Amino acid sequence: MPTGKVKWYDSEKGFGFLARDDGGEVFVHSSALPAGTTALRQGQRVEFGIVEGRKGAQALQVRLLEPPPTVAAAKHSRKKPDEMIVIVEDLIKLLDDISTTYRRGKHPDAREARKIASVLRAVADDIEP
């Protein structure tokens, strides 16, 4: 299977491009990502199948080979407790709103769900030491 790195990926739009190790670029759609994966980060190493579509090569069954580069994470420092109070209170309001949507027997729309997941990941990074 071909390997390469993520050139760029827009999780809001659900697609991006991979740079093949042997040259060239491959389109990647969110439907090709592993179960539970909602985003790819620039520079992340991946393995993938390829199919030729109307508009060129497209990645299939992407497999993550290594975690994304963590240069930013290495510089990450936790927020102060008084800053976290406001963030956690806003998060509680956000989650309360989404629970109302679930109580109505619906899932949030895809765009809203991606935003909420992104916020949860960011808050988790601030909580984790």
C-alpha atoms as a PDB file:
ATOM      1  CA  MET A   1       0.000   0.000   0.000  1.00  0.00           C
ATOM      2  CA  PRO A   2       1.233   3.517  -0.713  1.00  0.00           C
ATOM      3  CA  THR A   3       2.371   5.713   2.159  1.00  0.00           C
ATOM      4  CA  GLY A   4       2.717   9.440   2.581  1.00  0.00           C
ATOM      5  CA  LYS A   5       2.031  12.457   4.741  1.00  0.00           C
ATOM      6  CA  VAL A   6      -0.992  14.654   5.167  1.00  0.00           C
ATOM      7  CA  LYS A   7      -0.446  17.761   3.064  1.00  0.00           C
ATOM      8  CA  TRP A   8      -3.557  19.440   4.481  1.00  0.00           C
ATOM      9  CA  TYR A   9      -6.966  18.395   5.795  1.00  0.00           C
ATOM     10  CA  ASP A  10     -10.040  20.518   6.569  1.00  0.00           C
ATOM     11  CA  SER A  11     -12.174  18.643   9.106  1.00  0.00           C
ATOM     12  CA  GLU A  12     -15.024  21.123   8.687  1.00  0.00           C
ATOM     13  CA  LYS A  13     -15.236  20.395   4.951  1.00  0.00           C
ATOM     14  CA  GLY A  14     -14.337  16.727   5.395  1.00  0.00           C
ATOM     15  CA  PHE A  15     -11.526  16.442   2.867  1.00  0.00           C
ATOM     16  CA  GLY A  16      -7.911  17.241   2.091  1.00  0.00           C
ATOM     17  CA  PHE A  17      -4.837  15.976   0.254  1.00  0.00           C
ATOM     18  CA  LEU A  18      -2.076  13.510   0.996  1.00  0.00           C
ATOM     19  CA  ALA A  19       1.465  13.825  -0.376  1.00  0.00           C
ATOM     20  CA  ARG A  20       2.624  10.413  -1.573  1.00  0.00           C
ATOM     21  CA  ASP A  21       6.137   9.282  -0.605  1.00  0.00           C
ATOM     22  CA  ASP A  22       6.719   8.302  -4.236  1.00  0.00           C
ATOM     23  CA  GLY A  23       5.520  11.678  -5.530  1.00  0.00           C
ATOM     24  CA  GLY A  24       2.192  13.225  -6.359  1.00  0.00           C
ATOM     25  CA  GLU A  25      -0.900  14.075  -4.383  1.00  0.00           C
ATOM     26  CA  VAL A  26      -3.991  12.072  -3.513  1.00  0.00           C
ATOM     27  CA  PHE A  27      -7.408  13.455  -2.571  1.00  0.00           C
ATOM     28  CA  VAL A  28      -8.728  12.144   0.757  1.00  0.00           C
ATOM     29  CA  HIS A  29     -12.361  12.312   1.909  1.00  0.00           C
ATOM     30  CA  SER A  30     -13.526  11.859   5.499  1.00  0.00           C
ATOM     31  CA  SER A  31     -15.253   8.602   4.521  1.00  0.00           C
ATOM     32  CA  ALA A  32     -11.788   7.031   3.973  1.00  0.00           C
ATOM     33  CA  LEU A  33     -10.625   7.746   7.536  1.00  0.00           C
ATOM     34  CA  PRO A  34     -10.486   4.983  10.165  1.00  0.00           C
ATOM     35  CA  ALA A  35     -13.504   4.595  12.435  1.00  0.00           C
ATOM     36  CA  GLY A  36     -13.414   7.184  15.204  1.00  0.00           C
ATOM     37  CA  THR A  37     -11.015   9.465  13.333  1.00  0.00           C
ATOM     38  CA  THR A  38     -12.500  12.841  12.451  1.00  0.00           C
ATOM     39  CA  ALA A  39      -9.420  14.761  11.412  1.00  0.00           C
ATOM     40  CA  LEU A  40      -5.908  14.464  10.061  1.00  0.00           C
ATOM     41  CA  ARG A  41      -3.080  16.815  10.937  1.00  0.00           C
ATOM     42  CA  GLN A  42      -0.541  18.235   8.552  1.00  0.00           C
ATOM     43  CA  GLY A  43       2.570  16.065   8.461  1.00  0.00           C
ATOM     44  CA  GLN A  44       0.870  13.002   9.917  1.00  0.00           C
ATOM     45  CA  ARG A  45       2.139   9.744   8.337  1.00  0.00           C
ATOM     46  CA  VAL A  46      -0.507   7.544   6.722  1.00  0.00           C
ATOM     47  CA  GLU A  47      -0.922   4.436   4.587  1.00  0.00           C
ATOM     48  CA  PHE A  48      -3.786   4.229   2.096  1.00  0.00           C
ATOM     49  CA  GLY A  49      -5.267   2.461  -0.872  1.00  0.00           C
ATOM     50  CA  ILE A  50      -5.844   4.390  -4.093  1.00  0.00           C
ATOM     51  CA  VAL A  51      -8.636   4.427  -6.633  1.00  0.00           C
ATOM     52  CA  GLU A  52      -8.684   6.492  -9.820  1.00  0.00           C
ATOM     53  CA  GLY A  53     -11.765   8.675  -9.864  1.00  0.00           C
ATOM     54  CA  ARG A  54     -13.117  11.135 -12.409  1.00  0.00           C
ATOM     55  CA  LYS A  55     -10.946  13.873 -10.968  1.00  0.00           C
ATOM     56  CA  GLY A  56      -7.824  11.837 -10.284  1.00  0.00           C
ATOM     57  CA  ALA A  57      -6.393   9.648  -7.526  1.00  0.00           C
ATOM     58  CA  GLN A  58      -8.430   9.274  -4.349  1.00  0.00           C
ATOM     59  CA  ALA A  59      -7.354   7.635  -1.081  1.00  0.00           C
ATOM     60  CA  LEU A  60      -9.269   4.672   0.306  1.00  0.00           C
ATOM     61  CA  GLN A  61      -9.021   3.042   3.734  1.00  0.00           C
ATOM     62  CA  VAL A  62      -6.536   5.438   5.297  1.00  0.00           C
ATOM     63  CA  ARG A  63      -4.502   3.955   8.150  1.00  0.00           C
ATOM     64  CA  LEU A  64      -2.610   6.160  10.599  1.00  0.00           C
ATOM     65  CA  LEU A  65       1.038   5.109  10.845  1.00  0.00           C
ATOM     66  CA  GLU A  66       2.115   7.480  13.579  1.00  0.00           C
ATOM     67  CA  PRO A  67       0.633  10.220  15.699  1.00  0.00           C
ATOM     68  CA  PRO A  68       0.741  13.714  14.220  1.00  0.00           C
ATOM     69  CA  PRO A  69       3.724  15.977  14.891  1.00  0.00           C
ATOM     70  CA  THR A  70       3.380  17.603  18.288  1.00  0.00           C
ATOM     71  CA  VAL A  71       5.546  20.711  18.075  1.00  0.00           C
ATOM     72  CA  ALA A  72       2.632  22.843  19.271  1.00  0.00           C
ATOM     73  CA  ALA A  73       1.741  20.335  21.971  1.00  0.00           C
ATOM     74  CA  ALA A  74       5.288  20.405  23.311  1.00  0.00           C
ATOM     75  CA  LYS A  75       4.938  24.153  23.850  1.00  0.00           C
ATOM     76  CA  HIS A  76       1.454  23.780  25.330  1.00  0.00           C
ATOM     77  CA  SER A  77       1.074  24.937  28.873  1.00  0.00           C
ATOM     78  CA  ARG A  78      -2.004  24.471  30.998  1.00  0.00           C
ATOM     79  CA  LYS A  79      -4.299  27.395  31.586  1.00  0.00           C
ATOM     80  CA  LYS A  80      -4.565  28.835  35.061  1.00  0.00           C
ATOM     81  CA  PRO A  81      -7.424  27.535  37.238  1.00  0.00           C
ATOM     82  CA  ASP A  82      -9.261  30.879  37.143  1.00  0.00           C
ATOM     83  CA  GLU A  83      -9.167  30.798  33.310  1.00  0.00           C
ATOM     84  CA  MET A  84     -10.473  27.226  33.312  1.00  0.00           C
ATOM     85  CA  ILE A  85     -13.517  28.153  35.411  1.00  0.00           C
ATOM     86  CA  VAL A  86     -14.977  30.229  32.568  1.00  0.00           C
ATOM     87  CA  ILE A  87     -14.102  27.608  29.943  1.00  0.00           C
ATOM     88  CA  VAL A  88     -15.659  24.750  31.918  1.00  0.00           C
ATOM     89  CA  GLU A  89     -18.825  26.763  32.630  1.00  0.00           C
ATOM     90  CA  ASP A  90     -19.184  27.570  28.902  1.00  0.00           C
ATOM     91  CA  LEU A  91     -18.599  23.914  28.074  1.00  0.00           C
ATOM     92  CA  ILE A  92     -21.365  22.886  30.473  1.00  0.00           C
ATOM     93  CA  LYS A  93     -23.765  25.259  28.681  1.00  0.00           C
ATOM     94  CA  LEU A  94     -22.703  23.874  25.297  1.00  0.00           C
ATOM     95  CA  LEU A  95     -23.216  20.280  26.441  1.00  0.00           C
ATOM     96  CA  ASP A  96     -26.569  21.184  27.991  1.00  0.00           C
ATOM     97  CA  ASP A  97     -27.710  22.555  24.619  1.00  0.00           C
ATOM     98  CA  ILE A  98     -26.667  19.398  22.803  1.00  0.00           C
ATOM     99  CA  SER A  99     -28.379  17.217  25.402  1.00  0.00           C
ATOM    100  CA  THR A 100     -31.615  19.061  24.571  1.00  0.00           C
ATOM    101  CA  THR A 101     -31.125  18.075  20.921  1.00  0.00           C
ATOM    102  CA  TYR A 102     -30.661  14.439  21.954  1.00  0.00           C
ATOM    103  CA  ARG A 103     -33.744  14.582  24.192  1.00  0.00           C
ATOM    104  CA  ARG A 104     -35.727  15.571  21.094  1.00  0.00           C
ATOM    105  CA  GLY A 105     -34.601  12.311  19.508  1.00  0.00           C
ATOM    106  CA  LYS A 106     -32.167  13.931  17.098  1.00  0.00           C
ATOM    107  CA  HIS A 107     -28.428  14.071  16.586  1.00  0.00           C
ATOM    108  CA  PRO A 108     -26.763  17.452  16.127  1.00  0.00           C
ATOM    109  CA  ASP A 109     -26.058  18.309  12.507  1.00  0.00           C
ATOM    110  CA  ALA A 110     -22.615  17.275  11.268  1.00  0.00           C
ATOM    111  CA  ARG A 111     -21.121  20.764  11.341  1.00  0.00           C
ATOM    112  CA  GLU A 112     -22.271  21.403  14.920  1.00  0.00           C
ATOM    113  CA  ALA A 113     -21.056  17.965  16.008  1.00  0.00           C
ATOM    114  CA  ARG A 114     -17.564  18.617  14.580  1.00  0.00           C
ATOM    115  CA  LYS A 115     -17.373  21.968  16.379  1.00  0.00           C
ATOM    116  CA  ILE A 116     -18.420  20.418  19.697  1.00  0.00           C
ATOM    117  CA  ALA A 117     -15.908  17.575  19.290  1.00  0.00           C
ATOM    118  CA  SER A 118     -13.187  20.116  18.530  1.00  0.00           C
ATOM    119  CA  VAL A 119     -14.029  22.111  21.665  1.00  0.00           C
ATOM    120  CA  LEU A 120     -14.028  18.953  23.793  1.00  0.00           C
ATOM    121  CA  ARG A 121     -10.582  17.960  22.490  1.00  0.00           C
ATOM    122  CA  ALA A 122      -9.206  21.434  23.192  1.00  0.00           C
ATOM    123  CA  VAL A 123     -10.584  21.480  26.735  1.00  0.00           C
ATOM    124  CA  ALA A 124      -9.214  17.969  27.326  1.00  0.00           C
ATOM    125  CA  ASP A 125      -5.752  19.224  26.304  1.00  0.00           C
ATOM    126  CA  ASP A 126      -6.032  22.028  28.861  1.00  0.00           C
ATOM    127  CA  ILE A 127      -7.193  19.681  31.618  1.00  0.00           C
ATOM    128  CA  GLU A 128      -4.588  16.972  31.019  1.00  0.00           C
ATOM    129  CA  PRO A 129      -1.194  17.629  32.638  1.00  0.00           C
END
